[in-house]
Amino acid sequence: MEVVILNGITQTAATGLPKTAEGLNALMQRAYNRICLKRGAFCYDRVLGSRFYMLDAADEHAEERALRYAQAALLPLAGVEAVSVRREGERFIFGLQTMLGTGEIAVKGAKM
């Protein structure tokens, strides 16, 4: 079970309690959190997160770098791997392969 966070905001149910995700959706949420969080920003786990925030979206190799940053961030997450990336405007869409199936997550790009 994973608390659902979107754009840094905890999503709440009609009851006011945090929404939770399970199964494949929980794995996608964990992957999203790891890619979005600045590596080293969480004081209790300095290797949690990614270097995606350093990405220059104007760089001609931005997609390749984004995929490498995502892959590195997901290494500690057993059974989850970033296998592809594409751009849609300011967002990078990561294709993920997990032990529970495949999915996609959209992450807003850093420097434009």
N, C-alpha and C. Protein backbone atom coordinates (compact mmCIF):
# COMPACT_ATOMS: atom_id res chain seq x y z
N MET A 1 0.85 -1.17 0.00
CA MET A 1 0.00 0.00 0.00
C MET A 1 0.90 1.24 0.00
N GLU A 2 0.54 2.21 -0.81
CA GLU A 2 1.33 3.43 -0.99
C GLU A 2 0.39 4.63 -0.97
N VAL A 3 0.78 5.68 -0.28
CA VAL A 3 0.00 6.92 -0.29
C VAL A 3 0.18 7.57 -1.65
N VAL A 4 -0.91 8.05 -2.24
CA VAL A 4 -0.87 8.65 -3.58
C VAL A 4 -0.48 10.11 -3.47
N ILE A 5 0.63 10.46 -4.15
CA ILE A 5 1.12 11.83 -4.20
C ILE A 5 1.19 12.24 -5.65
N LEU A 6 0.65 13.41 -5.97
CA LEU A 6 0.67 13.92 -7.34
C LEU A 6 1.14 15.36 -7.31
N ASN A 7 2.22 15.63 -8.04
CA ASN A 7 2.81 16.97 -8.07
C ASN A 7 3.14 17.48 -6.67
N GLY A 8 3.62 16.58 -5.83
CA GLY A 8 4.02 16.95 -4.48
C GLY A 8 2.89 17.10 -3.48
N ILE A 9 1.66 16.80 -3.90
CA ILE A 9 0.49 16.97 -3.04
C ILE A 9 -0.13 15.61 -2.74
N THR A 10 -0.31 15.31 -1.45
CA THR A 10 -0.96 14.07 -1.06
C THR A 10 -2.42 14.14 -1.47
N GLN A 11 -2.86 13.16 -2.23
CA GLN A 11 -4.24 13.12 -2.70
C GLN A 11 -5.13 12.54 -1.60
N THR A 12 -6.30 13.14 -1.43
CA THR A 12 -7.19 12.67 -0.37
C THR A 12 -8.49 12.12 -0.95
N ALA A 13 -9.05 11.19 -0.22
CA ALA A 13 -10.34 10.60 -0.58
C ALA A 13 -11.45 11.51 -0.08
N ALA A 14 -12.69 11.17 -0.39
CA ALA A 14 -13.84 11.96 0.05
C ALA A 14 -13.92 12.05 1.57
N THR A 15 -13.33 11.06 2.25
CA THR A 15 -13.33 11.05 3.72
C THR A 15 -12.32 12.01 4.31
N GLY A 16 -11.43 12.55 3.46
CA GLY A 16 -10.37 13.43 3.94
C GLY A 16 -9.09 12.70 4.26
N LEU A 17 -9.14 11.38 4.25
CA LEU A 17 -7.95 10.57 4.50
C LEU A 17 -7.13 10.44 3.21
N PRO A 18 -5.83 10.20 3.33
CA PRO A 18 -5.01 10.05 2.13
C PRO A 18 -5.47 8.86 1.28
N LYS A 19 -5.46 9.06 -0.04
CA LYS A 19 -5.75 7.95 -0.95
C LYS A 19 -4.57 7.00 -0.94
N THR A 20 -4.86 5.73 -1.09
CA THR A 20 -3.79 4.74 -1.15
C THR A 20 -3.88 3.93 -2.44
N ALA A 21 -2.73 3.44 -2.85
CA ALA A 21 -2.66 2.61 -4.05
C ALA A 21 -2.10 1.24 -3.65
N GLU A 22 -2.51 0.23 -4.39
CA GLU A 22 -2.04 -1.12 -4.12
C GLU A 22 -1.61 -1.76 -5.43
N GLY A 23 -0.86 -2.84 -5.34
CA GLY A 23 -0.46 -3.61 -6.51
C GLY A 23 0.38 -2.79 -7.48
N LEU A 24 0.04 -2.91 -8.77
CA LEU A 24 0.78 -2.22 -9.82
C LEU A 24 0.75 -0.70 -9.62
N ASN A 25 -0.39 -0.16 -9.21
CA ASN A 25 -0.49 1.28 -8.98
C ASN A 25 0.46 1.74 -7.87
N ALA A 26 0.64 0.92 -6.85
CA ALA A 26 1.57 1.26 -5.77
C ALA A 26 3.00 1.27 -6.28
N LEU A 27 3.34 0.32 -7.13
CA LEU A 27 4.70 0.29 -7.71
C LEU A 27 4.94 1.51 -8.59
N MET A 28 3.92 1.90 -9.35
CA MET A 28 4.05 3.09 -10.20
C MET A 28 4.24 4.34 -9.32
N GLN A 29 3.51 4.41 -8.21
CA GLN A 29 3.64 5.56 -7.30
C GLN A 29 5.03 5.59 -6.68
N ARG A 30 5.55 4.44 -6.27
CA ARG A 30 6.91 4.40 -5.70
C ARG A 30 7.93 4.85 -6.73
N ALA A 31 7.79 4.39 -7.96
CA ALA A 31 8.71 4.78 -9.02
C ALA A 31 8.62 6.29 -9.26
N TYR A 32 7.41 6.82 -9.33
CA TYR A 32 7.20 8.26 -9.53
C TYR A 32 7.89 9.04 -8.41
N ASN A 33 7.71 8.61 -7.17
CA ASN A 33 8.32 9.30 -6.04
C ASN A 33 9.83 9.29 -6.14
N ARG A 34 10.41 8.14 -6.49
CA ARG A 34 11.86 8.02 -6.58
C ARG A 34 12.43 8.91 -7.69
N ILE A 35 11.73 9.02 -8.80
CA ILE A 35 12.23 9.83 -9.91
C ILE A 35 12.07 11.32 -9.60
N CYS A 36 10.98 11.70 -8.98
CA CYS A 36 10.71 13.12 -8.72
C CYS A 36 11.52 13.70 -7.56
N LEU A 37 11.81 12.90 -6.57
CA LEU A 37 12.52 13.39 -5.40
C LEU A 37 13.99 13.66 -5.75
N LYS A 38 14.49 14.82 -5.34
CA LYS A 38 15.90 15.14 -5.57
C LYS A 38 16.77 14.20 -4.75
N ARG A 39 17.70 13.55 -5.41
CA ARG A 39 18.60 12.65 -4.71
C ARG A 39 19.37 13.42 -3.65
N GLY A 40 19.38 12.89 -2.43
CA GLY A 40 20.08 13.52 -1.32
C GLY A 40 19.22 14.46 -0.50
N ALA A 41 17.99 14.74 -0.93
CA ALA A 41 17.14 15.70 -0.23
C ALA A 41 16.48 15.12 1.01
N PHE A 42 16.33 13.81 1.06
CA PHE A 42 15.67 13.17 2.21
C PHE A 42 16.74 12.80 3.22
N CYS A 43 16.73 13.46 4.37
CA CYS A 43 17.85 13.32 5.32
C CYS A 43 18.00 11.92 5.91
N TYR A 44 16.95 11.12 5.91
CA TYR A 44 17.06 9.78 6.47
C TYR A 44 17.56 8.74 5.47
N ASP A 45 17.57 9.10 4.20
CA ASP A 45 18.05 8.19 3.16
C ASP A 45 18.61 9.04 2.02
N ARG A 46 19.90 9.33 2.08
CA ARG A 46 20.53 10.25 1.13
C ARG A 46 20.62 9.69 -0.28
N VAL A 47 20.43 8.38 -0.48
CA VAL A 47 20.47 7.83 -1.84
C VAL A 47 19.08 7.71 -2.47
N LEU A 48 18.04 8.05 -1.71
CA LEU A 48 16.68 8.04 -2.24
C LEU A 48 16.51 9.20 -3.21
N GLY A 49 15.90 8.95 -4.34
CA GLY A 49 15.64 10.01 -5.31
C GLY A 49 16.48 9.85 -6.57
N SER A 50 16.44 10.90 -7.40
CA SER A 50 17.16 10.84 -8.67
C SER A 50 17.84 12.17 -8.96
N ARG A 51 18.59 12.17 -10.02
CA ARG A 51 19.23 13.40 -10.50
C ARG A 51 18.43 14.01 -11.64
N PHE A 52 17.19 13.58 -11.80
CA PHE A 52 16.33 14.08 -12.87
C PHE A 52 16.19 15.59 -12.81
N TYR A 53 16.20 16.17 -11.61
CA TYR A 53 16.06 17.62 -11.45
C TYR A 53 17.20 18.38 -12.13
N MET A 54 18.33 17.71 -12.39
CA MET A 54 19.48 18.35 -13.04
C MET A 54 19.37 18.35 -14.56
N LEU A 55 18.38 17.65 -15.08
CA LEU A 55 18.23 17.48 -16.52
C LEU A 55 17.96 18.81 -17.21
N ASP A 56 18.69 19.05 -18.27
CA ASP A 56 18.43 20.21 -19.13
C ASP A 56 17.55 19.71 -20.27
N ALA A 57 16.28 20.04 -20.22
CA ALA A 57 15.33 19.51 -21.21
C ALA A 57 15.62 20.00 -22.62
N ALA A 58 16.41 21.06 -22.75
CA ALA A 58 16.76 21.57 -24.08
C ALA A 58 17.92 20.80 -24.70
N ASP A 59 18.60 19.99 -23.92
CA ASP A 59 19.73 19.19 -24.42
C ASP A 59 19.23 18.21 -25.46
N GLU A 60 19.99 18.04 -26.53
CA GLU A 60 19.56 17.13 -27.60
C GLU A 60 19.49 15.67 -27.15
N HIS A 61 20.17 15.33 -26.06
CA HIS A 61 20.15 13.96 -25.54
C HIS A 61 19.34 13.85 -24.24
N ALA A 62 18.40 14.76 -24.06
CA ALA A 62 17.64 14.82 -22.81
C ALA A 62 16.89 13.51 -22.52
N GLU A 63 16.31 12.90 -23.54
CA GLU A 63 15.55 11.66 -23.31
C GLU A 63 16.46 10.54 -22.81
N GLU A 64 17.64 10.42 -23.42
CA GLU A 64 18.59 9.37 -23.00
C GLU A 64 19.02 9.60 -21.56
N ARG A 65 19.32 10.85 -21.22
CA ARG A 65 19.75 11.17 -19.86
C ARG A 65 18.61 10.94 -18.87
N ALA A 66 17.41 11.33 -19.24
CA ALA A 66 16.25 11.13 -18.37
C ALA A 66 16.08 9.64 -18.07
N LEU A 67 16.21 8.81 -19.08
CA LEU A 67 16.07 7.36 -18.88
C LEU A 67 17.17 6.84 -17.96
N ARG A 68 18.39 7.29 -18.14
CA ARG A 68 19.49 6.85 -17.26
C ARG A 68 19.26 7.30 -15.82
N TYR A 69 18.80 8.55 -15.63
CA TYR A 69 18.52 9.03 -14.28
C TYR A 69 17.42 8.19 -13.63
N ALA A 70 16.39 7.88 -14.39
CA ALA A 70 15.28 7.06 -13.87
C ALA A 70 15.76 5.65 -13.53
N GLN A 71 16.54 5.06 -14.41
CA GLN A 71 17.04 3.71 -14.16
C GLN A 71 17.88 3.66 -12.89
N ALA A 72 18.73 4.66 -12.70
CA ALA A 72 19.56 4.71 -11.49
C ALA A 72 18.70 4.87 -10.24
N ALA A 73 17.68 5.72 -10.31
CA ALA A 73 16.81 5.95 -9.16
C ALA A 73 16.02 4.70 -8.78
N LEU A 74 15.70 3.87 -9.78
CA LEU A 74 14.87 2.69 -9.54
C LEU A 74 15.66 1.44 -9.17
N LEU A 75 16.99 1.50 -9.24
CA LEU A 75 17.80 0.32 -8.91
C LEU A 75 17.45 -0.30 -7.56
N PRO A 76 17.27 0.48 -6.50
CA PRO A 76 16.94 -0.13 -5.20
C PRO A 76 15.52 -0.69 -5.12
N LEU A 77 14.69 -0.39 -6.09
CA LEU A 77 13.29 -0.82 -6.08
C LEU A 77 13.19 -2.15 -6.84
N ALA A 78 13.22 -3.24 -6.10
CA ALA A 78 13.25 -4.58 -6.69
C ALA A 78 12.05 -4.81 -7.61
N GLY A 79 12.32 -5.33 -8.79
CA GLY A 79 11.27 -5.70 -9.71
C GLY A 79 10.67 -4.56 -10.51
N VAL A 80 11.30 -3.38 -10.48
CA VAL A 80 10.80 -2.23 -11.24
C VAL A 80 11.95 -1.66 -12.06
N GLU A 81 11.69 -1.49 -13.37
CA GLU A 81 12.74 -0.99 -14.27
C GLU A 81 12.15 -0.03 -15.28
N ALA A 82 12.85 1.09 -15.48
CA ALA A 82 12.47 2.03 -16.53
C ALA A 82 13.05 1.49 -17.84
N VAL A 83 12.18 1.27 -18.84
CA VAL A 83 12.63 0.66 -20.09
C VAL A 83 12.52 1.61 -21.28
N SER A 84 11.78 2.70 -21.13
CA SER A 84 11.63 3.63 -22.25
C SER A 84 11.25 5.01 -21.73
N VAL A 85 11.44 6.00 -22.59
CA VAL A 85 11.02 7.36 -22.27
C VAL A 85 10.66 8.07 -23.57
N ARG A 86 9.65 8.92 -23.50
CA ARG A 86 9.29 9.78 -24.62
C ARG A 86 8.84 11.11 -24.05
N ARG A 87 8.85 12.13 -24.89
CA ARG A 87 8.45 13.46 -24.43
C ARG A 87 7.09 13.82 -24.99
N GLU A 88 6.32 14.48 -24.14
CA GLU A 88 5.04 15.08 -24.55
C GLU A 88 5.03 16.46 -23.94
N GLY A 89 5.42 17.45 -24.73
CA GLY A 89 5.51 18.82 -24.22
C GLY A 89 6.59 18.90 -23.15
N GLU A 90 6.20 19.37 -21.96
CA GLU A 90 7.14 19.51 -20.85
C GLU A 90 7.32 18.22 -20.05
N ARG A 91 6.53 17.22 -20.36
CA ARG A 91 6.56 15.98 -19.57
C ARG A 91 7.40 14.90 -20.24
N PHE A 92 8.01 14.10 -19.40
CA PHE A 92 8.71 12.90 -19.83
C PHE A 92 7.83 11.72 -19.40
N ILE A 93 7.49 10.86 -20.33
CA ILE A 93 6.66 9.70 -20.04
C ILE A 93 7.58 8.48 -19.99
N PHE A 94 7.69 7.89 -18.81
CA PHE A 94 8.56 6.72 -18.63
C PHE A 94 7.74 5.45 -18.74
N GLY A 95 8.22 4.52 -19.55
CA GLY A 95 7.62 3.19 -19.63
C GLY A 95 8.31 2.31 -18.61
N LEU A 96 7.52 1.71 -17.72
CA LEU A 96 8.08 0.88 -16.66
C LEU A 96 7.64 -0.56 -16.80
N GLN A 97 8.56 -1.43 -16.48
CA GLN A 97 8.28 -2.86 -16.46
C GLN A 97 8.44 -3.32 -15.02
N THR A 98 7.43 -4.02 -14.50
CA THR A 98 7.47 -4.48 -13.11
C THR A 98 7.10 -5.95 -13.04
N MET A 99 7.25 -6.50 -11.87
CA MET A 99 6.87 -7.90 -11.65
C MET A 99 5.35 -8.08 -11.71
N LEU A 100 4.60 -6.98 -11.62
CA LEU A 100 3.14 -7.05 -11.66
C LEU A 100 2.56 -6.60 -13.00
N GLY A 101 3.42 -6.21 -13.93
CA GLY A 101 2.96 -5.76 -15.24
C GLY A 101 3.70 -4.52 -15.68
N THR A 102 3.19 -3.89 -16.72
CA THR A 102 3.83 -2.69 -17.25
C THR A 102 2.93 -1.48 -17.03
N GLY A 103 3.54 -0.31 -17.08
CA GLY A 103 2.79 0.91 -16.91
C GLY A 103 3.62 2.11 -17.33
N GLU A 104 3.01 3.27 -17.24
CA GLU A 104 3.69 4.51 -17.57
C GLU A 104 3.46 5.54 -16.48
N ILE A 105 4.47 6.38 -16.30
CA ILE A 105 4.33 7.51 -15.39
C ILE A 105 4.80 8.75 -16.11
N ALA A 106 4.17 9.87 -15.83
CA ALA A 106 4.52 11.14 -16.46
C ALA A 106 5.16 12.04 -15.41
N VAL A 107 6.33 12.56 -15.75
CA VAL A 107 7.07 13.43 -14.84
C VAL A 107 7.36 14.73 -15.57
N LYS A 108 7.04 15.83 -14.93
CA LYS A 108 7.31 17.14 -15.55
C LYS A 108 8.82 17.35 -15.61
N GLY A 109 9.28 17.82 -16.77
CA GLY A 109 10.71 18.05 -16.98
C GLY A 109 11.25 19.16 -16.10
N ALA A 110 12.54 19.14 -15.94
CA ALA A 110 13.22 20.14 -15.11
C ALA A 110 13.43 21.41 -15.92
N LYS A 111 14.66 21.84 -16.05
CA LYS A 111 14.99 23.08 -16.75
C LYS A 111 14.55 23.03 -18.21
N MET A 112 13.81 24.04 -18.63
CA MET A 112 13.38 24.10 -20.03
C MET A 112 14.14 25.19 -20.75
